Amino acid sequence: MYKTRIDNLDLKQIADSGQCFRWKNTGENEYTVVAFDRALRIKQDGNEFELDCDEADWNNIWKSYLDMDTDYAGIAKL
């Protein structure tokens, strides 16, 4: 289990956008995401996220998949 704080991320908005096809709503503010032959359960509570992976998988797989290196706060200001 890995927990992290992420600003400017809304799982429901992503899931409802139609751009992600392998996301399944599995509870309130909770999704199962399938990518790279792996499944990830991710739950959002405001800016706090709980993921059923370890920190290494977060850094090596899921952080990039969710595009967390992009400055979305800066983009929103444009």
Protein backbone atom coordinates (compact mmCIF):
# COMPACT_ATOMS: atom_id res chain seq x y z
CA MET A 1 0.00 0.00 0.00
CA TYR A 2 1.39 3.39 -1.00
CA LYS A 3 -0.08 6.75 -0.04
CA THR A 4 0.76 10.07 -1.65
CA ARG A 5 -0.52 13.61 -2.02
CA ILE A 6 -1.22 14.78 -5.56
CA ASP A 7 -2.50 18.21 -6.44
CA ASN A 8 -4.52 18.76 -9.62
CA LEU A 9 -5.65 15.16 -10.14
CA ASP A 10 -9.30 14.11 -10.29
CA LEU A 11 -9.82 10.40 -10.89
CA LYS A 12 -13.53 10.76 -11.69
CA GLN A 13 -12.81 13.45 -14.27
CA ILE A 14 -10.22 11.23 -15.94
CA ALA A 15 -12.46 8.15 -15.88
CA ASP A 16 -15.44 10.09 -17.25
CA SER A 17 -13.40 11.77 -20.00
CA GLY A 18 -13.58 8.80 -22.34
CA GLN A 19 -9.82 8.89 -22.91
CA CYS A 20 -9.12 5.97 -20.57
CA PHE A 21 -10.78 2.72 -21.52
CA ARG A 22 -9.54 0.30 -18.90
CA TRP A 23 -10.71 2.10 -15.77
CA LYS A 24 -13.46 0.57 -13.65
CA ASN A 25 -15.22 2.36 -10.83
CA THR A 26 -14.98 0.01 -7.84
CA GLY A 27 -16.29 2.25 -5.08
CA GLU A 28 -16.74 5.84 -4.03
CA ASN A 29 -13.76 7.74 -5.48
CA GLU A 30 -12.05 4.40 -6.18
CA TYR A 31 -10.99 2.88 -9.48
CA THR A 32 -9.17 -0.15 -10.77
CA VAL A 33 -6.84 0.79 -13.60
CA VAL A 34 -5.37 -1.77 -15.98
CA ALA A 35 -2.20 -0.90 -17.92
CA PHE A 36 1.09 -2.56 -18.80
CA ASP A 37 -0.36 -6.01 -17.93
CA ARG A 38 -0.91 -4.80 -14.36
CA ALA A 39 -3.88 -3.69 -12.32
CA LEU A 40 -3.86 -0.85 -9.82
CA ARG A 41 -6.54 0.06 -7.32
CA ILE A 42 -6.42 3.77 -6.59
CA LYS A 43 -8.63 5.69 -4.17
CA GLN A 44 -8.91 9.46 -3.87
CA ASP A 45 -9.78 11.53 -0.80
CA GLY A 46 -9.30 15.14 -1.86
CA ASN A 47 -5.59 15.44 -2.68
CA GLU A 48 -4.71 12.24 -0.83
CA PHE A 49 -4.38 9.01 -2.80
CA GLU A 50 -4.12 5.42 -1.65
CA LEU A 51 -2.70 2.96 -4.15
CA ASP A 52 -2.35 -0.79 -3.86
CA CYS A 53 1.26 -0.79 -5.02
CA ASP A 54 4.58 -0.09 -3.41
CA GLU A 55 6.62 3.09 -3.80
CA ALA A 56 8.87 1.53 -6.44
CA ASP A 57 5.91 0.60 -8.67
CA TRP A 58 4.45 4.09 -8.14
CA ASN A 59 7.71 5.73 -9.25
CA ASN A 60 8.52 3.29 -12.06
CA ILE A 61 5.07 2.68 -13.57
CA TRP A 62 2.06 4.59 -12.32
CA LYS A 63 3.52 8.06 -11.82
CA SER A 64 4.41 8.19 -15.51
CA TYR A 65 1.12 6.56 -16.58
CA LEU A 66 -0.78 9.33 -14.76
CA ASP A 67 1.59 11.97 -16.20
CA MET A 68 2.55 13.34 -12.80
CA ASP A 69 5.67 15.13 -14.07
CA THR A 70 3.54 17.65 -15.99
CA ASP A 71 2.89 20.98 -14.25
CA TYR A 72 -0.91 21.02 -14.45
CA ALA A 73 -1.18 23.96 -12.01
CA GLY A 74 0.96 26.00 -14.41
CA ILE A 75 -1.10 24.92 -17.40
CA ALA A 76 -4.32 25.87 -15.62
CA LYS A 77 -2.96 29.40 -15.13
CA LEU A 78 -2.56 29.94 -18.91
